[in-house]
């Protein structure tokens, strides 16, 4: 795995840990933001691993497309859309 991709994954894992902590503390809005961050960074890691340029965008659906994830299930796409709407509104 490329070093840049490893860094994205490391940060994504941290964000997921923070999301879990926030959920346990009933801090749900921050939990959702951190879930979005974790997915965003995971997707950017995939993009980086595929030797593509990572852009400074936060749209999970666009990132999934740029990561060349074309066969996502409807449930995943719906989740990405829902997290996008929550993230963008905050």
PDB file of N, CA and C in Angstrom:
ATOM      1  N   UNK A   1       0.853  -1.178   0.000  1.00  0.00           N
ATOM      2  CA  UNK A   1       0.000   0.000   0.000  1.00  0.00           C
ATOM      3  C   UNK A   1       0.897   1.238   0.000  1.00  0.00           C
ATOM      4  N   UNK A   2       0.472   2.237  -0.751  1.00  0.00           N
ATOM      5  CA  UNK A   2       1.228   3.479  -0.836  1.00  0.00           C
ATOM      6  C   UNK A   2       1.143   4.248   0.484  1.00  0.00           C
ATOM      7  N   UNK A   3       2.185   4.999   0.772  1.00  0.00           N
ATOM      8  CA  UNK A   3       2.254   5.751   2.031  1.00  0.00           C
ATOM      9  C   UNK A   3       1.091   6.742   2.149  1.00  0.00           C
ATOM     10  N   UNK A   4       0.786   7.440   1.068  1.00  0.00           N
ATOM     11  CA  UNK A   4      -0.312   8.403   1.094  1.00  0.00           C
ATOM     12  C   UNK A   4      -1.638   7.707   1.392  1.00  0.00           C
ATOM     13  N   UNK A   5      -1.836   6.553   0.784  1.00  0.00           N
ATOM     14  CA  UNK A   5      -3.065   5.777   1.023  1.00  0.00           C
ATOM     15  C   UNK A   5      -3.139   5.311   2.467  1.00  0.00           C
ATOM     16  N   UNK A   6      -2.009   4.886   3.014  1.00  0.00           N
ATOM     17  CA  UNK A   6      -1.950   4.463   4.424  1.00  0.00           C
ATOM     18  C   UNK A   6      -2.326   5.611   5.345  1.00  0.00           C
ATOM     19  N   UNK A   7      -1.856   6.812   5.014  1.00  0.00           N
ATOM     20  CA  UNK A   7      -2.182   7.983   5.834  1.00  0.00           C
ATOM     21  C   UNK A   7      -3.681   8.275   5.815  1.00  0.00           C
ATOM     22  N   UNK A   8      -4.300   8.198   4.625  1.00  0.00           N
ATOM     23  CA  UNK A   8      -5.743   8.403   4.542  1.00  0.00           C
ATOM     24  C   UNK A   8      -6.482   7.370   5.393  1.00  0.00           C
ATOM     25  N   UNK A   9      -6.051   6.110   5.316  1.00  0.00           N
ATOM     26  CA  UNK A   9      -6.697   5.040   6.081  1.00  0.00           C
ATOM     27  C   UNK A   9      -6.520   5.244   7.585  1.00  0.00           C
ATOM     28  N   UNK A  10      -5.338   5.660   7.984  1.00  0.00           N
ATOM     29  CA  UNK A  10      -5.070   5.908   9.403  1.00  0.00           C
ATOM     30  C   UNK A  10      -6.001   6.998   9.948  1.00  0.00           C
ATOM     31  N   UNK A  11      -6.152   8.073   9.193  1.00  0.00           N
ATOM     32  CA  UNK A  11      -7.029   9.161   9.629  1.00  0.00           C
ATOM     33  C   UNK A  11      -8.486   8.705   9.625  1.00  0.00           C
ATOM     34  N   UNK A  12      -8.872   7.903   8.643  1.00  0.00           N
ATOM     35  CA  UNK A  12     -10.248   7.383   8.583  1.00  0.00           C
ATOM     36  C   UNK A  12     -10.551   6.524   9.809  1.00  0.00           C
ATOM     37  N   UNK A  13      -9.605   5.698  10.205  1.00  0.00           N
ATOM     38  CA  UNK A  13      -9.801   4.869  11.405  1.00  0.00           C
ATOM     39  C   UNK A  13      -9.959   5.732  12.650  1.00  0.00           C
ATOM     40  N   UNK A  14      -9.150   6.787  12.731  1.00  0.00           N
ATOM     41  CA  UNK A  14      -9.260   7.703  13.866  1.00  0.00           C
ATOM     42  C   UNK A  14     -10.642   8.362  13.883  1.00  0.00           C
ATOM     43  N   UNK A  15     -11.093   8.844  12.731  1.00  0.00           N
ATOM     44  CA  UNK A  15     -12.416   9.469  12.653  1.00  0.00           C
ATOM     45  C   UNK A  15     -13.513   8.497  13.069  1.00  0.00           C
ATOM     46  N   UNK A  16     -13.381   7.249  12.681  1.00  0.00           N
ATOM     47  CA  UNK A  16     -14.366   6.242  13.065  1.00  0.00           C
ATOM     48  C   UNK A  16     -14.365   6.014  14.578  1.00  0.00           C
ATOM     49  N   UNK A  17     -13.195   6.029  15.183  1.00  0.00           N
ATOM     50  CA  UNK A  17     -13.080   5.885  16.649  1.00  0.00           C
ATOM     51  C   UNK A  17     -13.749   7.074  17.333  1.00  0.00           C
ATOM     52  N   UNK A  18     -13.496   8.273  16.838  1.00  0.00           N
ATOM     53  CA  UNK A  18     -14.124   9.469  17.409  1.00  0.00           C
ATOM     54  C   UNK A  18     -15.646   9.395  17.235  1.00  0.00           C
ATOM     55  N   UNK A  19     -16.104   8.932  16.079  1.00  0.00           N
ATOM     56  CA  UNK A  19     -17.548   8.771  15.845  1.00  0.00           C
ATOM     57  C   UNK A  19     -18.154   7.823  16.869  1.00  0.00           C
ATOM     58  N   UNK A  20     -17.474   6.722  17.136  1.00  0.00           N
ATOM     59  CA  UNK A  20     -17.957   5.758  18.125  1.00  0.00           C
ATOM     60  C   UNK A  20     -18.026   6.395  19.512  1.00  0.00           C
ATOM     61  N   UNK A  21     -16.999   7.139  19.871  1.00  0.00           N
ATOM     62  CA  UNK A  21     -16.985   7.824  21.169  1.00  0.00           C
ATOM     63  C   UNK A  21     -18.129   8.832  21.267  1.00  0.00           C
ATOM     64  N   UNK A  22     -18.351   9.579  20.191  1.00  0.00           N
ATOM     65  CA  UNK A  22     -19.435  10.564  20.173  1.00  0.00           C
ATOM     66  C   UNK A  22     -20.797   9.887  20.285  1.00  0.00           C
ATOM     67  N   UNK A  23     -20.952   8.755  19.616  1.00  0.00           N
ATOM     68  CA  UNK A  23     -22.212   8.020  19.693  1.00  0.00           C
ATOM     69  C   UNK A  23     -22.484   7.565  21.126  1.00  0.00           C
ATOM     70  N   UNK A  24     -21.463   7.038  21.776  1.00  0.00           N
ATOM     71  CA  UNK A  24     -21.608   6.579  23.161  1.00  0.00           C
ATOM     72  C   UNK A  24     -21.952   7.727  24.102  1.00  0.00           C
ATOM     73  N   UNK A  25     -21.499   8.940  23.751  1.00  0.00           N
ATOM     74  CA  UNK A  25     -21.777  10.110  24.575  1.00  0.00           C
ATOM     75  C   UNK A  25     -23.062  10.825  24.152  1.00  0.00           C
ATOM     76  N   UNK A  26     -23.813  10.220  23.243  1.00  0.00           N
ATOM     77  CA  UNK A  26     -25.064  10.774  22.717  1.00  0.00           C
ATOM     78  C   UNK A  26     -24.852  12.105  22.002  1.00  0.00           C
ATOM     79  N   UNK A  27     -23.676  12.287  21.436  1.00  0.00           N
ATOM     80  CA  UNK A  27     -23.367  13.476  20.637  1.00  0.00           C
ATOM     81  C   UNK A  27     -23.542  13.087  19.169  1.00  0.00           C
ATOM     82  N   UNK A  28     -24.796  12.974  18.757  1.00  0.00           N
ATOM     83  CA  UNK A  28     -25.120  12.344  17.489  1.00  0.00           C
ATOM     84  C   UNK A  28     -24.743  13.168  16.258  1.00  0.00           C
ATOM     85  N   UNK A  29     -24.868  14.479  16.327  1.00  0.00           N
ATOM     86  CA  UNK A  29     -24.517  15.291  15.168  1.00  0.00           C
ATOM     87  C   UNK A  29     -23.020  15.172  14.860  1.00  0.00           C
ATOM     88  N   UNK A  30     -22.196  15.266  15.892  1.00  0.00           N
ATOM     89  CA  UNK A  30     -20.751  15.112  15.687  1.00  0.00           C
ATOM     90  C   UNK A  30     -20.421  13.694  15.247  1.00  0.00           C
ATOM     91  N   UNK A  31     -21.144  12.724  15.762  1.00  0.00           N
ATOM     92  CA  UNK A  31     -20.962  11.337  15.339  1.00  0.00           C
ATOM     93  C   UNK A  31     -21.185  11.207  13.835  1.00  0.00           C
ATOM     94  N   UNK A  32     -22.268  11.790  13.332  1.00  0.00           N
ATOM     95  CA  UNK A  32     -22.560  11.730  11.897  1.00  0.00           C
ATOM     96  C   UNK A  32     -21.499  12.451  11.078  1.00  0.00           C
ATOM     97  N   UNK A  33     -21.033  13.594  11.578  1.00  0.00           N
ATOM     98  CA  UNK A  33     -19.969  14.323  10.877  1.00  0.00           C
ATOM     99  C   UNK A  33     -18.702  13.480  10.784  1.00  0.00           C
ATOM    100  N   UNK A  34     -18.360  12.799  11.860  1.00  0.00           N
ATOM    101  CA  UNK A  34     -17.154  11.973  11.874  1.00  0.00           C
ATOM    102  C   UNK A  34     -17.322  10.726  11.007  1.00  0.00           C
ATOM    103  N   UNK A  35     -18.532  10.197  10.926  1.00  0.00           N
ATOM    104  CA  UNK A  35     -18.784   9.076   9.998  1.00  0.00           C
ATOM    105  C   UNK A  35     -18.563   9.535   8.562  1.00  0.00           C
ATOM    106  N   UNK A  36     -19.067  10.715   8.248  1.00  0.00           N
ATOM    107  CA  UNK A  36     -18.848  11.285   6.917  1.00  0.00           C
ATOM    108  C   UNK A  36     -17.353  11.452   6.663  1.00  0.00           C
ATOM    109  N   UNK A  37     -16.641  12.025   7.636  1.00  0.00           N
ATOM    110  CA  UNK A  37     -15.193  12.224   7.490  1.00  0.00           C
ATOM    111  C   UNK A  37     -14.472  10.904   7.253  1.00  0.00           C
ATOM    112  N   UNK A  38     -14.854   9.881   7.998  1.00  0.00           N
ATOM    113  CA  UNK A  38     -14.193   8.578   7.856  1.00  0.00           C
ATOM    114  C   UNK A  38     -14.411   8.012   6.458  1.00  0.00           C
ATOM    115  N   UNK A  39     -15.632   8.076   5.968  1.00  0.00           N
ATOM    116  CA  UNK A  39     -15.914   7.588   4.616  1.00  0.00           C
ATOM    117  C   UNK A  39     -15.199   8.420   3.559  1.00  0.00           C
ATOM    118  N   UNK A  40     -15.196   9.729   3.748  1.00  0.00           N
ATOM    119  CA  UNK A  40     -14.517  10.615   2.801  1.00  0.00           C
ATOM    120  C   UNK A  40     -13.034  10.258   2.713  1.00  0.00           C
ATOM    121  N   UNK A  41     -12.410  10.064   3.839  1.00  0.00           N
ATOM    122  CA  UNK A  41     -10.976   9.769   3.849  1.00  0.00           C
ATOM    123  C   UNK A  41     -10.687   8.360   3.338  1.00  0.00           C
ATOM    124  N   UNK A  42     -11.574   7.428   3.602  1.00  0.00           N
ATOM    125  CA  UNK A  42     -11.410   6.089   3.045  1.00  0.00           C
ATOM    126  C   UNK A  42     -11.468   6.136   1.516  1.00  0.00           C
ATOM    127  N   UNK A  43     -12.432   6.863   0.982  1.00  0.00           N
ATOM    128  CA  UNK A  43     -12.552   6.995  -0.462  1.00  0.00           C
ATOM    129  C   UNK A  43     -11.341   7.705  -1.062  1.00  0.00           C
ATOM    130  N   UNK A  44     -10.845   8.715  -0.379  1.00  0.00           N
ATOM    131  CA  UNK A  44      -9.648   9.410  -0.863  1.00  0.00           C
ATOM    132  C   UNK A  44      -8.434   8.495  -0.819  1.00  0.00           C
ATOM    133  N   UNK A  45      -8.397   7.596   0.151  1.00  0.00           N
ATOM    134  CA  UNK A  45      -7.324   6.603   0.194  1.00  0.00           C
ATOM    135  C   UNK A  45      -7.380   5.665  -0.992  1.00  0.00           C
ATOM    136  N   UNK A  46      -8.591   5.253  -1.371  1.00  0.00           N
ATOM    137  CA  UNK A  46      -8.760   4.392  -2.550  1.00  0.00           C
ATOM    138  C   UNK A  46      -8.338   5.140  -3.808  1.00  0.00           C
ATOM    139  N   UNK A  47      -8.739   6.394  -3.901  1.00  0.00           N
ATOM    140  CA  UNK A  47      -8.346   7.212  -5.053  1.00  0.00           C
ATOM    141  C   UNK A  47      -6.832   7.322  -5.121  1.00  0.00           C
ATOM    142  N   UNK A  48      -6.220   7.596  -4.000  1.00  0.00           N
ATOM    143  CA  UNK A  48      -4.759   7.722  -3.938  1.00  0.00           C
ATOM    144  C   UNK A  48      -4.074   6.413  -4.306  1.00  0.00           C
ATOM    145  N   UNK A  49      -4.605   5.316  -3.824  1.00  0.00           N
ATOM    146  CA  UNK A  49      -4.017   3.999  -4.105  1.00  0.00           C
ATOM    147  C   UNK A  49      -4.080   3.673  -5.594  1.00  0.00           C
ATOM    148  N   UNK A  50      -5.107   4.184  -6.263  1.00  0.00           N
ATOM    149  CA  UNK A  50      -5.250   3.969  -7.702  1.00  0.00           C
ATOM    150  C   UNK A  50      -4.453   4.984  -8.524  1.00  0.00           C
ATOM    151  N   UNK A  51      -3.558   5.704  -7.846  1.00  0.00           N
ATOM    152  CA  UNK A  51      -2.682   6.696  -8.491  1.00  0.00           C
ATOM    153  C   UNK A  51      -3.457   7.824  -9.156  1.00  0.00           C
ATOM    154  N   UNK A  52      -4.599   8.151  -8.600  1.00  0.00           N
ATOM    155  CA  UNK A  52      -5.382   9.271  -9.099  1.00  0.00           C
ATOM    156  C   UNK A  52      -5.228  10.444  -8.137  1.00  0.00           C
ATOM    157  N   UNK A  53      -5.484  11.629  -8.615  1.00  0.00           N
ATOM    158  CA  UNK A  53      -5.340  12.825  -7.786  1.00  0.00           C
ATOM    159  C   UNK A  53      -6.542  12.986  -6.866  1.00  0.00           C
ATOM    160  N   UNK A  54      -6.271  13.197  -5.578  1.00  0.00           N
ATOM    161  CA  UNK A  54      -7.359  13.465  -4.636  1.00  0.00           C
ATOM    162  C   UNK A  54      -7.649  14.960  -4.654  1.00  0.00           C
ATOM    163  N   UNK A  55      -8.937  15.273  -4.754  1.00  0.00           N
ATOM    164  CA  UNK A  55      -9.345  16.673  -4.791  1.00  0.00           C
ATOM    165  C   UNK A  55      -9.966  17.067  -3.468  1.00  0.00           C
ATOM    166  N   UNK A  56      -9.992  18.349  -3.207  1.00  0.00           N
ATOM    167  CA  UNK A  56     -10.554  18.861  -1.960  1.00  0.00           C
ATOM    168  C   UNK A  56     -12.062  19.031  -2.114  1.00  0.00           C
ATOM    169  N   UNK A  57     -12.751  17.902  -2.134  1.00  0.00           N
ATOM    170  CA  UNK A  57     -14.208  17.895  -2.171  1.00  0.00           C
ATOM    171  C   UNK A  57     -14.696  17.007  -1.039  1.00  0.00           C
ATOM    172  N   UNK A  58     -15.954  17.191  -0.678  1.00  0.00           N
ATOM    173  CA  UNK A  58     -16.524  16.432   0.437  1.00  0.00           C
ATOM    174  C   UNK A  58     -17.707  15.565   0.031  1.00  0.00           C
ATOM    175  N   UNK A  59     -18.100  15.618  -1.219  1.00  0.00           N
ATOM    176  CA  UNK A  59     -19.261  14.892  -1.729  1.00  0.00           C
ATOM    177  C   UNK A  59     -18.919  13.403  -1.847  1.00  0.00           C
ATOM    178  N   UNK A  60     -19.533  12.585  -1.002  1.00  0.00           N
ATOM    179  CA  UNK A  60     -19.229  11.151  -0.978  1.00  0.00           C
ATOM    180  C   UNK A  60     -19.591  10.449  -2.278  1.00  0.00           C
ATOM    181  N   UNK A  61     -20.661  10.865  -2.914  1.00  0.00           N
ATOM    182  CA  UNK A  61     -21.050  10.231  -4.172  1.00  0.00           C
ATOM    183  C   UNK A  61     -20.035  10.532  -5.271  1.00  0.00           C
ATOM    184  N   UNK A  62     -19.574  11.762  -5.341  1.00  0.00           N
ATOM    185  CA  UNK A  62     -18.550  12.108  -6.335  1.00  0.00           C
ATOM    186  C   UNK A  62     -17.239  11.395  -6.039  1.00  0.00           C
ATOM    187  N   UNK A  63     -16.890  11.323  -4.757  1.00  0.00           N
ATOM    188  CA  UNK A  63     -15.654  10.625  -4.389  1.00  0.00           C
ATOM    189  C   UNK A  63     -15.745   9.138  -4.731  1.00  0.00           C
ATOM    190  N   UNK A  64     -16.898   8.536  -4.490  1.00  0.00           N
ATOM    191  CA  UNK A  64     -17.072   7.120  -4.837  1.00  0.00           C
ATOM    192  C   UNK A  64     -16.911   6.921  -6.332  1.00  0.00           C
ATOM    193  N   UNK A  65     -17.444   7.845  -7.107  1.00  0.00           N
ATOM    194  CA  UNK A  65     -17.294   7.777  -8.557  1.00  0.00           C
ATOM    195  C   UNK A  65     -15.826   7.928  -8.952  1.00  0.00           C
ATOM    196  N   UNK A  66     -15.133   8.886  -8.344  1.00  0.00           N
ATOM    197  CA  UNK A  66     -13.720   9.087  -8.654  1.00  0.00           C
ATOM    198  C   UNK A  66     -12.858   7.916  -8.189  1.00  0.00           C
ATOM    199  N   UNK A  67     -13.324   7.209  -7.154  1.00  0.00           N
ATOM    200  CA  UNK A  67     -12.605   6.032  -6.664  1.00  0.00           C
ATOM    201  C   UNK A  67     -12.895   4.810  -7.532  1.00  0.00           C
ATOM    202  N   UNK A  68     -13.715   5.029  -8.560  1.00  0.00           N
ATOM    203  CA  UNK A  68     -14.086   3.980  -9.513  1.00  0.00           C
ATOM    204  C   UNK A  68     -14.902   2.867  -8.862  1.00  0.00           C
ATOM    205  N   UNK A  69     -15.695   3.237  -7.859  1.00  0.00           N
ATOM    206  CA  UNK A  69     -16.596   2.286  -7.218  1.00  0.00           C
ATOM    207  C   UNK A  69     -17.938   2.376  -7.941  1.00  0.00           C
ATOM    208  N   UNK A  70     -18.120   1.527  -8.917  1.00  0.00           N
ATOM    209  CA  UNK A  70     -19.288   1.623  -9.786  1.00  0.00           C
ATOM    210  C   UNK A  70     -20.422   0.686  -9.397  1.00  0.00           C
ATOM    211  N   UNK A  71     -20.158  -0.301  -8.588  1.00  0.00           N
ATOM    212  CA  UNK A  71     -21.182  -1.298  -8.277  1.00  0.00           C
ATOM    213  C   UNK A  71     -21.667  -1.214  -6.835  1.00  0.00           C
ATOM    214  N   UNK A  72     -21.778  -0.007  -6.317  1.00  0.00           N
ATOM    215  CA  UNK A  72     -22.259   0.146  -4.948  1.00  0.00           C
ATOM    216  C   UNK A  72     -23.741  -0.200  -4.870  1.00  0.00           C
ATOM    217  N   UNK A  73     -24.112  -0.838  -3.787  1.00  0.00           N
ATOM    218  CA  UNK A  73     -25.514  -1.183  -3.580  1.00  0.00           C
ATOM    219  C   UNK A  73     -26.322   0.085  -3.306  1.00  0.00           C
ATOM    220  N   UNK A  74     -27.588  -0.006  -3.571  1.00  0.00           N
ATOM    221  CA  UNK A  74     -28.488   1.130  -3.378  1.00  0.00           C
ATOM    222  C   UNK A  74     -28.427   1.636  -1.943  1.00  0.00           C
ATOM    223  N   UNK A  75     -28.310   0.741  -0.976  1.00  0.00           N
ATOM    224  CA  UNK A  75     -28.258   1.135   0.429  1.00  0.00           C
ATOM    225  C   UNK A  75     -27.033   2.004   0.709  1.00  0.00           C
ATOM    226  N   UNK A  76     -25.903   1.660   0.111  1.00  0.00           N
ATOM    227  CA  UNK A  76     -24.680   2.443   0.303  1.00  0.00           C
ATOM    228  C   UNK A  76     -24.834   3.814  -0.341  1.00  0.00           C
ATOM    229  N   UNK A  77     -25.387   3.860  -1.538  1.00  0.00           N
ATOM    230  CA  UNK A  77     -25.598   5.138  -2.221  1.00  0.00           C
ATOM    231  C   UNK A  77     -26.554   6.027  -1.424  1.00  0.00           C
ATOM    232  N   UNK A  78     -27.604   5.422  -0.888  1.00  0.00           N
ATOM    233  CA  UNK A  78     -28.554   6.175  -0.064  1.00  0.00           C
ATOM    234  C   UNK A  78     -27.873   6.721   1.190  1.00  0.00           C
ATOM    235  N   UNK A  79     -27.028   5.900   1.808  1.00  0.00           N
ATOM    236  CA  UNK A  79     -26.299   6.336   2.999  1.00  0.00           C
ATOM    237  C   UNK A  79     -25.369   7.501   2.658  1.00  0.00           C
ATOM    238  N   UNK A  80     -24.638   7.389   1.551  1.00  0.00           N
ATOM    239  CA  UNK A  80     -23.744   8.464   1.129  1.00  0.00           C
ATOM    240  C   UNK A  80     -24.527   9.753   0.905  1.00  0.00           C
ATOM    241  N   UNK A  81     -25.689   9.647   0.257  1.00  0.00           N
ATOM    242  CA  UNK A  81     -26.516  10.829   0.000  1.00  0.00           C
ATOM    243  C   UNK A  81     -27.006  11.441   1.308  1.00  0.00           C
ATOM    244  N   UNK A  82     -27.446  10.613   2.228  1.00  0.00           N
ATOM    245  CA  UNK A  82     -27.938  11.102   3.522  1.00  0.00           C
ATOM    246  C   UNK A  82     -26.816  11.775   4.312  1.00  0.00           C
ATOM    247  N   UNK A  83     -25.653  11.153   4.347  1.00  0.00           N
ATOM    248  CA  UNK A  83     -24.514  11.759   5.052  1.00  0.00           C
ATOM    249  C   UNK A  83     -24.091  13.061   4.379  1.00  0.00           C
ATOM    250  N   UNK A  84     -24.152  13.101   3.048  1.00  0.00           N
ATOM    251  CA  UNK A  84     -23.850  14.349   2.333  1.00  0.00           C
ATOM    252  C   UNK A  84     -24.775  15.471   2.790  1.00  0.00           C
ATOM    253  N   UNK A  85     -26.070  15.178   2.852  1.00  0.00           N
ATOM    254  CA  UNK A  85     -27.031  16.224   3.204  1.00  0.00           C
ATOM    255  C   UNK A  85     -26.829  16.707   4.635  1.00  0.00           C
ATOM    256  N   UNK A  86     -26.502  15.807   5.534  1.00  0.00           N
ATOM    257  CA  UNK A  86     -26.249  16.205   6.929  1.00  0.00           C
ATOM    258  C   UNK A  86     -24.952  17.002   7.014  1.00  0.00           C
ATOM    259  N   UNK A  87     -23.917  16.518   6.352  1.00  0.00           N
ATOM    260  CA  UNK A  87     -22.608  17.185   6.410  1.00  0.00           C
ATOM    261  C   UNK A  87     -22.668  18.576   5.801  1.00  0.00           C
ATOM    262  N   UNK A  88     -23.307  18.693   4.646  1.00  0.00           N
ATOM    263  CA  UNK A  88     -23.369  19.978   3.964  1.00  0.00           C
ATOM    264  C   UNK A  88     -24.196  20.994   4.747  1.00  0.00           C
ATOM    265  N   UNK A  89     -25.169  20.526   5.502  1.00  0.00           N
ATOM    266  CA  UNK A  89     -26.005  21.461   6.262  1.00  0.00           C
ATOM    267  C   UNK A  89     -25.308  21.950   7.526  1.00  0.00           C
ATOM    268  N   UNK A  90     -24.279  21.249   7.975  1.00  0.00           N
ATOM    269  CA  UNK A  90     -23.566  21.699   9.158  1.00  0.00           C
ATOM    270  C   UNK A  90     -22.415  22.555   8.747  1.00  0.00           C
TER     271      UNK A  90
END
